[in-house]
Protein backbone atom coordinates (compact mmCIF):
# COMPACT_ATOMS: atom_id res chain seq x y z
CA MET A 1 -45.37 -32.78 -33.95
CA TYR A 2 -42.04 -31.14 -33.32
CA ILE A 3 -40.84 -30.94 -29.67
CA SER A 4 -38.77 -27.81 -29.40
CA ALA A 5 -36.02 -27.27 -26.84
CA ARG A 6 -38.33 -24.69 -25.27
CA ALA A 7 -41.12 -27.25 -24.79
CA ASP A 8 -38.70 -29.88 -23.48
CA TYR A 9 -37.14 -27.40 -21.04
CA ALA A 10 -40.58 -26.22 -19.88
CA LEU A 11 -41.67 -29.74 -19.05
CA ARG A 12 -38.40 -30.54 -17.27
CA ALA A 13 -38.68 -27.35 -15.21
CA MET A 14 -42.30 -28.06 -14.32
CA LEU A 15 -41.41 -31.61 -13.23
CA ALA A 16 -38.56 -30.29 -11.05
CA VAL A 17 -40.89 -27.71 -9.42
CA ALA A 18 -43.58 -30.39 -8.92
CA ASP A 19 -41.07 -32.75 -7.38
CA ALA A 20 -39.80 -30.10 -4.97
CA GLY A 21 -43.40 -29.20 -4.10
CA SER A 22 -44.23 -32.75 -3.18
CA THR A 23 -41.22 -33.28 -0.95
CA GLY A 24 -41.62 -30.30 1.35
CA ASP A 25 -43.47 -30.02 4.62
CA GLY A 26 -46.27 -27.86 3.24
CA GLY A 27 -45.23 -24.78 5.16
CA SER A 28 -43.62 -22.39 2.74
CA GLY A 29 -46.36 -21.55 0.32
CA GLY A 30 -46.67 -24.21 -2.27
CA GLY A 31 -49.20 -22.08 -4.19
CA GLY A 32 -51.75 -24.86 -4.54
CA SER A 33 -49.24 -27.58 -5.31
CA GLY A 34 -49.79 -29.32 -2.01
CA GLY A 35 -47.05 -27.52 -0.16
CA GLY A 36 -43.30 -27.91 -0.42
CA GLU A 37 -40.44 -25.62 -1.06
CA LEU A 38 -40.13 -22.83 -3.59
CA VAL A 39 -37.63 -23.48 -6.34
CA LYS A 40 -35.33 -20.77 -7.58
CA ALA A 41 -34.77 -20.31 -11.31
CA ALA A 42 -30.99 -20.72 -10.92
CA SER A 43 -31.53 -24.03 -9.12
CA LEU A 44 -33.86 -25.22 -11.88
CA ALA A 45 -31.33 -24.20 -14.55
CA ASP A 46 -28.52 -26.05 -12.77
CA SER A 47 -30.45 -29.21 -11.98
CA GLN A 48 -31.92 -29.56 -15.47
CA ASP A 49 -28.96 -28.20 -17.52
CA ILE A 50 -31.04 -25.39 -18.99
CA PRO A 51 -29.45 -22.02 -19.84
CA LEU A 52 -30.73 -19.61 -17.16
CA SER A 53 -31.51 -16.75 -19.55
CA PHE A 54 -33.58 -19.09 -21.71
CA LEU A 55 -35.28 -20.60 -18.68
CA GLN A 56 -36.36 -17.20 -17.36
CA GLY A 57 -38.41 -16.58 -20.48
CA ILE A 58 -40.00 -20.01 -20.23
CA LEU A 59 -40.85 -19.49 -16.55
CA LEU A 60 -42.49 -16.17 -17.47
CA ASP A 61 -44.67 -17.91 -20.08
CA LEU A 62 -45.62 -20.63 -17.54
CA ARG A 63 -46.52 -17.98 -14.97
CA ARG A 64 -48.58 -16.02 -17.46
CA ALA A 65 -50.42 -19.24 -18.40
CA GLY A 66 -51.34 -19.69 -14.72
CA LEU A 67 -49.26 -22.81 -14.22
CA LEU A 68 -46.61 -21.34 -11.91
CA HIS A 69 -46.70 -18.82 -9.12
CA SER A 70 -43.59 -16.78 -8.33
CA HIS A 71 -42.52 -15.31 -5.02
CA ARG A 72 -39.95 -12.50 -5.01
CA GLY A 73 -37.11 -11.96 -2.58
CA THR A 74 -34.25 -13.91 -1.18
CA GLU A 75 -36.56 -16.68 0.01
CA GLY A 76 -38.55 -16.56 -3.22
CA GLY A 77 -38.88 -18.98 -6.11
CA TYR A 78 -41.48 -20.82 -8.12
CA ALA A 79 -44.27 -23.17 -7.16
CA LEU A 80 -47.09 -24.86 -9.06
CA THR A 81 -50.47 -23.15 -8.96
CA ARG A 82 -52.25 -26.54 -8.90
CA PRO A 83 -51.36 -30.04 -7.80
CA PRO A 84 -49.25 -32.01 -10.32
CA ALA A 85 -52.22 -34.31 -10.98
CA GLU A 86 -54.15 -31.30 -12.33
CA ILE A 87 -51.51 -30.07 -14.77
CA SER A 88 -51.19 -31.98 -18.02
CA VAL A 89 -48.30 -32.14 -20.43
CA GLY A 90 -50.62 -30.50 -22.95
CA ASP A 91 -51.15 -27.54 -20.59
CA VAL A 92 -47.39 -26.97 -20.49
CA LEU A 93 -46.87 -27.46 -24.21
CA ARG A 94 -49.61 -24.99 -25.09
CA ALA A 95 -48.27 -22.45 -22.59
CA VAL A 96 -44.88 -22.26 -24.25
CA GLY A 97 -45.65 -23.19 -27.86
CA GLY A 98 -49.30 -22.52 -28.68
CA ALA A 99 -51.00 -25.10 -30.89
CA LEU A 100 -49.85 -28.69 -30.49
CA THR A 101 -49.80 -29.34 -34.23
CA SER A 102 -49.03 -26.81 -36.88
CA VAL A 103 -49.02 -26.95 -40.65
CA ARG A 104 -46.84 -24.35 -42.34
CA GLY A 105 -46.79 -22.42 -39.08
CA MET A 106 -50.57 -22.37 -38.60
CA PRO A 107 -52.71 -24.43 -36.23
CA ALA A 108 -54.07 -27.53 -37.97
CA ASP A 109 -57.68 -26.30 -37.66
CA ARG A 110 -56.84 -23.20 -39.72
CA THR A 111 -55.52 -25.03 -42.75
CA GLY A 112 -57.50 -25.14 -45.96
CA TYR A 113 -57.08 -27.12 -49.16
CA HIS A 114 -58.89 -27.49 -52.44
CA GLY A 115 -59.10 -30.06 -55.16
CA VAL A 116 -57.37 -33.37 -54.64
CA ALA A 117 -55.74 -32.18 -51.43
CA THR A 118 -59.02 -31.41 -49.60
CA GLY A 119 -58.70 -34.50 -47.39
CA LEU A 120 -55.35 -33.31 -45.93
CA ARG A 121 -57.09 -31.02 -43.45
CA ASP A 122 -58.89 -34.03 -41.90
CA VAL A 123 -55.59 -35.90 -41.62
CA TRP A 124 -53.89 -32.97 -39.82
CA LEU A 125 -56.91 -32.59 -37.51
CA ALA A 126 -56.77 -36.34 -36.70
CA VAL A 127 -53.06 -36.09 -35.99
CA ASP A 128 -53.70 -33.10 -33.73
CA GLY A 129 -56.49 -34.98 -31.92
CA ALA A 130 -54.29 -38.06 -31.37
CA ILE A 131 -51.49 -35.95 -29.94
CA ALA A 132 -53.92 -34.05 -27.73
CA LEU A 133 -55.32 -37.35 -26.43
CA VAL A 134 -51.90 -38.43 -25.18
CA VAL A 135 -50.59 -35.12 -23.84
CA ASP A 136 -53.89 -34.03 -22.24
CA ARG A 137 -54.32 -37.25 -20.28
CA THR A 138 -50.71 -37.38 -19.10
CA THR A 139 -50.14 -35.24 -16.01
CA LEU A 140 -47.04 -34.13 -14.19
CA ALA A 141 -48.05 -36.55 -11.41
CA ASP A 142 -48.07 -39.43 -13.93
CA LEU A 143 -44.57 -38.53 -15.07
CA LEU A 144 -43.28 -38.18 -11.51
CA ALA A 145 -44.68 -41.64 -10.74
CA ASP A 146 -43.22 -43.03 -13.99
CA ARG A 147 -46.71 -43.72 -15.36
CA ALA A 148 -46.29 -42.17 -18.80
CA PRO A 149 -48.36 -43.78 -21.60
CA ALA A 150 -46.62 -46.62 -23.37
CA PRO A 151 -45.42 -45.87 -26.91
């Protein structure tokens, strides 16, 4: 599995939004995240050292995937659509990158081999399953609480 800058930035941005959502008073429309303040894209870019123009595309993908809710206007910003305990690392990775594991640019389940290489498909599917097991059981709440799975 290759972790792209886009995937890394997406997770960092989601963690920053989740952290802001958990520290507020619940009054300004947390969008299902349990309350808290809205986070502006520029603030996310500054706090996480992410180029703003790149981050805006990532935030759009996360919003389209139903992980973020955006509010327009001077008081606007981004909030999670669900509590951090209900958003997995896998949700974020798939939102910005598609399949978790790819072989020659295709999802592992779409590969095909013949002859002596037939068993490779099973190996790639097992790798994909192992990765999914880790990223799908690790939530934003786990990461905020420093409860990531041990290597």
